[in-house]
Amino acid sequence: MNLEAIPRQELDCILRRMPKAELHIHIEGSLEPELIFRMAQKNGIKLVYPSVEALRAAYAFTDLQSFLDIYYAGAGVLQTEEDFFDMAWSYLERAKADNVIHSEIFFDPQTHTARGVAFATVINGLHRAIERGREELGLSASLILCFLRHLSEADAFATLEEALPFRDKFIGVGLDSGERGNPPEKFAAVFGRCQALGLRLVAHAGEEGPASYISDALDLLRAERIDHGVRCLEDPQLVARLASERIALTVCPLSNVKLAVFPELGSHNIGRLLAEGIVATINSDDPAYFGGYLNENFTATFAALPQLGARQAYQLARNSFEASFVAEETRKRWIAGLDAFFADCCGGR
């Protein structure tokens, strides 16, 4: 395929239409203000914001913690299994519209069990939406349970025990919430237990935390994939390791700008990550809060970084399939479909 022959004016359409996977989406972060208000009214919850517009206007974050404060407050409207179903179904419909064919969805049970919502209520609602999405939308999706790193490892162990009766409904565990003061080593024992159980392992690292957190997530947690990871470029040896071991990074450009990891999209390092041979992917993180779902992350990033073209678009989409936790046969089928899509885009060129 002569990808360089594809004119730049066709790129926006290609980014929107190409098949892709999303590997870094917090389902609670897809809870749009309109749905928050609808659930609050249904469940008799009084919000501190008088309107949808006032709530959306509050999405002016200065760092990760200022976002997390409002994120956890918004999640408080989720009370019933139907609420969790509705939230996940709304995301899946948007993902389908963005030509996402596979999604690995993070969920934060501790955010809800701490409020008295049963673990079963959370996971059954989410899983039911995933099953319906597979049947009605033809969209593959899996759940990854995330431990909140600002809480204790003992709390994470307790959550894992709550989750084990539902082992068939999630494929792995992750680590999210604020990095500052919560290094990967804090959760080494619980991740060791999860590895012994055969769960897939991922971890947020190198967003606000230093590059050493990425190395620690790999060495101490045995993470197979790093969420964010953009600060890896501070350590050349780590960059070489990520590239040689084909350890994927799930990068979230709009999130990075919204949380002041980068001052603007034009200074984002996604292009350099790809040039270094790293299996970088583009994802939406918490799209209701950060201004865009997956296609918006692609189109805004490519518009801001003129060095990115059709070859990088293809590589990012291929990387998303390469890094997915799916059977090899499934992965090969998706990559073949991606190749066919780009071959069609190239035409006779």
Protein backbone atom coordinates (compact mmCIF):
# COMPACT_ATOMS: atom_id res chain seq x y z
CA MET A 1 0.00 0.00 0.00
CA ASN A 2 1.33 3.42 -0.95
CA LEU A 3 -0.02 5.24 2.11
CA GLU A 4 2.04 8.36 1.37
CA ALA A 5 -0.02 8.83 -1.81
CA ILE A 6 -3.23 9.43 0.15
CA PRO A 7 -3.95 13.20 0.03
CA ARG A 8 -4.09 14.96 3.40
CA GLN A 9 -7.58 16.28 2.63
CA GLU A 10 -8.84 12.68 2.75
CA LEU A 11 -7.26 12.01 6.13
CA ASP A 12 -10.10 13.26 8.34
CA CYS A 13 -12.57 10.93 6.62
CA ILE A 14 -10.14 8.01 6.85
CA LEU A 15 -9.58 8.56 10.58
CA ARG A 16 -13.32 8.48 11.19
CA ARG A 17 -14.07 5.48 8.99
CA MET A 18 -11.14 3.17 9.67
CA PRO A 19 -11.81 0.16 11.95
CA LYS A 20 -10.12 0.51 15.33
CA ALA A 21 -10.03 -0.70 18.92
CA GLU A 22 -10.28 1.42 22.06
CA LEU A 23 -8.17 0.20 24.98
CA HIS A 24 -8.37 3.09 27.47
CA ILE A 25 -11.91 4.15 28.27
CA HIS A 26 -13.22 4.62 31.82
CA ILE A 27 -16.90 3.85 31.58
CA GLU A 28 -17.73 6.24 34.42
CA GLY A 29 -15.91 8.89 32.39
CA SER A 30 -18.41 8.46 29.55
CA LEU A 31 -21.27 9.66 31.76
CA GLU A 32 -22.52 12.75 29.93
CA PRO A 33 -24.04 15.66 31.94
CA GLU A 34 -27.46 15.05 30.38
CA LEU A 35 -27.42 11.44 31.60
CA ILE A 36 -26.14 12.52 35.03
CA PHE A 37 -29.13 14.85 35.42
CA ARG A 38 -31.57 12.23 34.15
CA MET A 39 -30.28 9.61 36.60
CA ALA A 40 -30.16 12.10 39.47
CA GLN A 41 -33.82 12.97 38.91
CA LYS A 42 -34.81 9.30 38.63
CA ASN A 43 -32.94 8.35 41.79
CA GLY A 44 -33.96 11.41 43.84
CA ILE A 45 -30.42 12.81 44.10
CA LYS A 46 -29.89 16.56 44.41
CA LEU A 47 -26.92 17.85 42.43
CA VAL A 48 -24.91 20.90 43.43
CA TYR A 49 -25.13 22.20 39.83
CA PRO A 50 -28.40 23.82 38.79
CA SER A 51 -28.25 22.75 35.13
CA VAL A 52 -26.50 20.64 32.51
CA GLU A 53 -24.76 23.77 31.26
CA ALA A 54 -23.47 24.65 34.74
CA LEU A 55 -22.11 21.14 35.22
CA ARG A 56 -20.38 21.16 31.85
CA ALA A 57 -18.90 24.58 32.62
CA ALA A 58 -17.32 23.06 35.74
CA TYR A 59 -15.15 20.84 33.53
CA ALA A 60 -12.22 23.27 33.77
CA PHE A 61 -9.52 21.13 35.30
CA THR A 62 -6.08 22.24 36.41
CA ASP A 63 -4.66 18.78 37.06
CA LEU A 64 -5.64 15.15 37.53
CA GLN A 65 -6.93 15.61 41.08
CA SER A 66 -9.25 18.50 40.18
CA PHE A 67 -10.78 16.23 37.54
CA LEU A 68 -11.07 13.25 39.89
CA ASP A 69 -12.99 15.33 42.44
CA ILE A 70 -15.81 16.06 39.99
CA TYR A 71 -15.54 12.62 38.35
CA TYR A 72 -16.29 10.80 41.61
CA ALA A 73 -19.10 13.22 42.40
CA GLY A 74 -20.71 12.58 39.01
CA ALA A 75 -20.52 8.82 39.50
CA GLY A 76 -22.68 9.20 42.59
CA VAL A 77 -25.87 9.21 40.50
CA LEU A 78 -25.29 5.57 39.52
CA GLN A 79 -27.52 3.53 41.82
CA THR A 80 -29.20 0.64 40.01
CA GLU A 81 -28.18 -2.10 37.60
CA GLU A 82 -30.19 -0.27 34.95
CA ASP A 83 -28.09 2.89 35.52
CA PHE A 84 -24.88 0.99 34.81
CA PHE A 85 -26.47 -0.65 31.78
CA ASP A 86 -27.66 2.71 30.40
CA MET A 87 -24.24 4.31 30.89
CA ALA A 88 -22.42 1.46 29.12
CA TRP A 89 -24.98 1.21 26.34
CA SER A 90 -24.68 4.94 25.63
CA TYR A 91 -20.91 4.55 25.26
CA LEU A 92 -21.20 1.47 23.05
CA GLU A 93 -23.54 3.26 20.66
CA ARG A 94 -21.02 6.13 20.36
CA ALA A 95 -18.17 3.66 19.88
CA LYS A 96 -20.07 1.94 17.08
CA ALA A 97 -20.61 5.30 15.38
CA ASP A 98 -16.82 5.87 15.57
CA ASN A 99 -16.18 2.52 13.83
CA VAL A 100 -14.75 0.98 16.98
CA ILE A 101 -14.99 -2.79 16.56
CA HIS A 102 -13.46 -3.74 19.92
CA SER A 103 -13.29 -1.97 23.27
CA GLU A 104 -11.64 -2.89 26.55
CA ILE A 105 -13.55 -0.94 29.15
CA PHE A 106 -12.28 0.10 32.58
CA PHE A 107 -14.67 0.24 35.52
CA ASP A 108 -14.05 1.39 39.12
CA PRO A 109 -16.08 -0.78 41.51
CA GLN A 110 -14.66 0.87 44.64
CA THR A 111 -16.22 4.17 43.58
CA HIS A 112 -19.61 2.49 43.90
CA THR A 113 -19.24 -0.12 46.64
CA ALA A 114 -18.01 2.63 48.97
CA ARG A 115 -21.45 4.25 48.47
CA GLY A 116 -23.27 1.05 49.32
CA VAL A 117 -23.88 -0.11 45.74
CA ALA A 118 -23.37 -3.86 45.47
CA PHE A 119 -20.57 -5.15 43.24
CA ALA A 120 -23.10 -7.36 41.48
CA THR A 121 -25.21 -4.32 40.59
CA VAL A 122 -22.22 -2.67 38.91
CA ILE A 123 -20.84 -5.58 36.93
CA ASN A 124 -24.16 -7.13 35.93
CA GLY A 125 -25.39 -3.85 34.43
CA LEU A 126 -22.15 -3.31 32.51
CA HIS A 127 -21.94 -6.92 31.33
CA ARG A 128 -25.55 -6.91 30.12
CA ALA A 129 -24.80 -3.86 27.95
CA ILE A 130 -21.72 -5.58 26.52
CA GLU A 131 -23.74 -8.68 25.66
CA ARG A 132 -26.39 -6.57 23.96
CA GLY A 133 -23.69 -4.62 22.10
CA ARG A 134 -22.23 -7.85 20.76
CA GLU A 135 -25.64 -9.05 19.58
CA GLU A 136 -27.16 -5.81 18.25
CA LEU A 137 -24.14 -3.69 17.27
CA GLY A 138 -21.65 -6.39 16.35
CA LEU A 139 -19.20 -4.68 18.71
CA SER A 140 -16.75 -6.77 20.73
CA ALA A 141 -16.07 -5.51 24.27
CA SER A 142 -14.52 -6.70 27.53
CA LEU A 143 -14.32 -5.34 31.08
CA ILE A 144 -11.16 -4.53 33.07
CA LEU A 145 -11.59 -3.94 36.80
CA CYS A 146 -9.47 -1.04 38.06
CA PHE A 147 -8.19 -0.61 41.60
CA LEU A 148 -8.17 2.97 42.91
CA ARG A 149 -4.59 3.75 43.79
CA HIS A 150 -5.44 6.45 46.34
CA LEU A 151 -7.02 3.71 48.46
CA SER A 152 -5.09 0.98 50.27
CA GLU A 153 -3.87 -2.32 48.89
CA ALA A 154 -6.02 -4.03 51.53
CA ASP A 155 -9.05 -2.35 49.97
CA ALA A 156 -7.92 -3.61 46.55
CA PHE A 157 -7.62 -7.16 47.90
CA ALA A 158 -11.13 -6.90 49.36
CA THR A 159 -12.47 -5.70 46.00
CA LEU A 160 -10.74 -8.57 44.22
CA GLU A 161 -12.43 -11.07 46.55
CA GLU A 162 -15.80 -9.43 45.84
CA ALA A 163 -15.09 -9.72 42.12
CA LEU A 164 -14.04 -13.37 41.95
CA PRO A 165 -17.59 -14.81 41.88
CA PHE A 166 -18.00 -12.77 38.66
CA ARG A 167 -14.67 -13.87 37.15
CA ASP A 168 -16.36 -14.77 33.86
CA LYS A 169 -17.48 -11.16 33.36
CA PHE A 170 -14.07 -9.39 33.36
CA ILE A 171 -10.75 -10.20 31.72
CA GLY A 172 -8.22 -8.29 33.77
CA VAL A 173 -7.31 -5.65 36.32
CA GLY A 174 -5.84 -2.18 36.09
CA LEU A 175 -4.67 0.61 38.36
CA ASP A 176 -6.04 4.15 38.07
CA SER A 177 -6.77 7.37 40.03
CA GLY A 178 -4.10 9.83 41.21
CA GLU A 179 -0.48 8.84 40.65
CA ARG A 180 1.03 11.36 43.04
CA GLY A 181 2.05 9.63 46.25
CA ASN A 182 0.72 6.28 45.01
CA PRO A 183 3.59 4.42 43.30
CA PRO A 184 3.07 1.06 41.62
CA GLU A 185 4.93 -0.77 44.41
CA LYS A 186 1.98 -0.04 46.71
CA PHE A 187 -0.04 -2.68 44.81
CA ALA A 188 2.62 -5.30 44.03
CA ALA A 189 1.05 -8.02 46.19
CA VAL A 190 -2.48 -7.71 44.84
CA PHE A 191 -1.19 -7.67 41.25
CA GLY A 192 0.81 -10.80 42.05
CA ARG A 193 -2.41 -12.46 43.19
CA CYS A 194 -4.18 -11.34 40.01
CA GLN A 195 -1.39 -12.71 37.84
CA ALA A 196 -1.66 -16.07 39.63
CA LEU A 197 -5.38 -16.04 38.82
CA GLY A 198 -4.62 -15.64 35.12
CA LEU A 199 -6.01 -12.10 34.84
CA ARG A 200 -4.61 -9.67 32.25
CA LEU A 201 -2.65 -6.84 33.88
CA VAL A 202 -2.51 -3.16 32.93
CA ALA A 203 -1.64 -0.02 34.91
CA HIS A 204 -1.79 3.75 34.59
CA ALA A 205 1.76 5.09 34.78
CA GLY A 206 3.81 7.98 33.46
CA GLU A 207 0.98 10.50 33.09
CA GLU A 208 1.57 12.76 36.10
CA GLY A 209 3.98 10.26 37.63
CA PRO A 210 7.60 9.97 36.43
CA ALA A 211 9.00 7.55 33.86
CA SER A 212 10.23 5.37 36.74
CA TYR A 213 6.58 4.56 37.53
CA ILE A 214 6.34 2.94 34.08
CA SER A 215 9.39 0.77 34.78
CA ASP A 216 7.99 -0.14 38.19
CA ALA A 217 4.59 -1.03 36.71
CA LEU A 218 6.37 -3.41 34.33
CA ASP A 219 8.77 -4.91 36.88
CA LEU A 220 6.75 -4.89 40.11
CA LEU A 221 3.20 -5.25 38.80
CA ARG A 222 4.06 -7.28 35.69
CA ALA A 223 1.82 -4.97 33.65
CA GLU A 224 1.40 -6.14 30.07
CA ARG A 225 0.25 -2.76 28.80
CA ILE A 226 0.80 0.78 30.13
CA ASP A 227 -2.05 3.28 30.25
CA HIS A 228 -0.84 6.78 29.27
CA GLY A 229 2.95 6.29 29.54
CA VAL A 230 3.74 9.54 27.72
CA ARG A 231 6.58 10.42 30.10
CA CYS A 232 8.56 7.39 28.96
CA LEU A 233 10.58 9.68 26.70
CA GLU A 234 12.37 11.00 29.81
CA ASP A 235 14.23 7.65 29.96
CA PRO A 236 15.94 6.49 26.71
CA GLN A 237 16.54 2.99 28.10
CA LEU A 238 12.85 2.65 28.91
CA VAL A 239 11.94 3.80 25.40
CA ALA A 240 14.20 1.13 23.92
CA ARG A 241 12.65 -1.48 26.21
CA LEU A 242 9.07 -0.54 25.33
CA ALA A 243 9.89 -0.71 21.63
CA SER A 244 11.85 -3.97 21.72
CA GLU A 245 9.36 -5.78 24.00
CA ARG A 246 6.37 -4.42 22.06
CA ILE A 247 4.75 -3.08 25.24
CA ALA A 248 1.80 -0.95 24.19
CA LEU A 249 0.93 2.50 25.51
CA THR A 250 -2.71 3.58 25.58
CA VAL A 251 -2.32 7.31 24.94
CA CYS A 252 -5.18 9.78 25.43
CA PRO A 253 -4.35 13.08 23.68
CA LEU A 254 -7.38 15.23 24.57
CA SER A 255 -7.16 14.05 28.16
CA ASN A 256 -3.47 14.92 28.28
CA VAL A 257 -4.20 18.50 27.24
CA LYS A 258 -7.27 18.87 29.47
CA LEU A 259 -5.22 17.76 32.50
CA ALA A 260 -2.21 19.92 31.58
CA VAL A 261 0.15 17.03 30.83
CA PHE A 262 0.81 18.94 27.59
CA PRO A 263 -0.02 22.65 27.14
CA GLU A 264 -1.62 22.05 23.74
CA LEU A 265 -2.16 19.25 21.23
CA GLY A 266 0.52 20.71 18.97
CA SER A 267 3.13 19.81 21.58
CA HIS A 268 1.94 16.23 22.14
CA ASN A 269 4.57 13.52 21.74
CA ILE A 270 2.44 10.83 20.05
CA GLY A 271 4.37 11.31 16.79
CA ARG A 272 7.71 10.77 18.50
CA LEU A 273 6.40 7.70 20.33
CA LEU A 274 5.53 6.16 16.97
CA ALA A 275 8.87 7.21 15.45
CA GLU A 276 10.65 5.46 18.33
CA GLY A 277 8.89 2.21 17.39
CA ILE A 278 6.61 2.14 20.43
CA VAL A 279 3.24 0.41 20.09
CA ALA A 280 1.31 3.61 20.84
CA THR A 281 -2.47 3.78 20.52
CA ILE A 282 -5.01 6.61 20.67
CA ASN A 283 -7.92 6.45 23.11
CA SER A 284 -10.50 8.73 24.74
CA ASP A 285 -9.96 8.11 28.50
CA ASP A 286 -12.93 10.01 30.03
CA PRO A 287 -14.63 11.43 26.93
CA ALA A 288 -17.60 13.10 28.63
CA TYR A 289 -15.18 15.24 30.63
CA PHE A 290 -12.35 15.77 28.16
CA GLY A 291 -14.21 16.94 25.07
CA GLY A 292 -14.28 14.01 22.70
CA TYR A 293 -14.76 10.33 22.02
CA LEU A 294 -12.32 8.26 19.99
CA ASN A 295 -12.78 9.87 16.58
CA GLU A 296 -12.45 13.37 18.05
CA ASN A 297 -9.17 12.32 19.65
CA PHE A 298 -7.90 11.10 16.28
CA THR A 299 -9.05 14.04 14.17
CA ALA A 300 -8.00 16.75 16.64
CA THR A 301 -4.58 15.18 17.15
CA PHE A 302 -3.88 14.79 13.44
CA ALA A 303 -5.07 18.35 12.77
CA ALA A 304 -2.68 19.67 15.42
CA LEU A 305 0.30 17.57 14.30
CA PRO A 306 0.87 17.98 10.53
CA GLN A 307 3.69 15.41 10.59
CA LEU A 308 1.07 12.71 11.14
CA GLY A 309 -0.37 11.24 7.96
CA ALA A 310 -2.03 8.14 6.58
CA ARG A 311 0.90 5.90 7.53
CA GLN A 312 0.62 6.93 11.18
CA ALA A 313 -3.17 6.52 11.05
CA TYR A 314 -2.73 2.97 9.81
CA GLN A 315 -0.06 2.24 12.43
CA LEU A 316 -2.18 3.55 15.29
CA ALA A 317 -5.19 1.48 14.23
CA ARG A 318 -3.04 -1.63 13.72
CA ASN A 319 -1.39 -1.06 17.11
CA SER A 320 -4.82 -0.97 18.75
CA PHE A 321 -5.55 -4.45 17.43
CA GLU A 322 -2.04 -5.71 18.20
CA ALA A 323 -2.37 -4.60 21.81
CA SER A 324 -5.88 -6.01 22.35
CA PHE A 325 -6.39 -8.91 24.74
CA VAL A 326 -8.03 -11.19 22.18
CA ALA A 327 -7.31 -14.51 20.49
CA GLU A 328 -4.61 -14.39 17.81
CA GLU A 329 -7.04 -15.55 15.15
CA THR A 330 -9.39 -12.67 15.97
CA ARG A 331 -6.52 -10.19 15.90
CA LYS A 332 -5.38 -11.40 12.49
CA ARG A 333 -8.92 -11.08 11.13
CA TRP A 334 -9.22 -7.49 12.34
CA ILE A 335 -5.81 -6.52 10.92
CA ALA A 336 -6.77 -8.09 7.59
CA GLY A 337 -9.91 -5.95 7.59
CA LEU A 338 -7.83 -2.87 8.35
CA ASP A 339 -5.44 -3.72 5.50
CA ALA A 340 -8.38 -4.09 3.12
CA PHE A 341 -9.78 -0.73 4.23
CA PHE A 342 -6.50 1.10 3.56
CA ALA A 343 -5.91 -0.76 0.29
CA ASP A 344 -9.32 0.51 -0.84
CA CYS A 345 -8.36 4.04 0.26
CA CYS A 346 -5.19 3.83 -1.80
CA GLY A 347 -7.10 2.65 -4.87
CA GLY A 348 -4.71 2.56 -7.79
CA ARG A 349 -2.19 4.82 -6.11
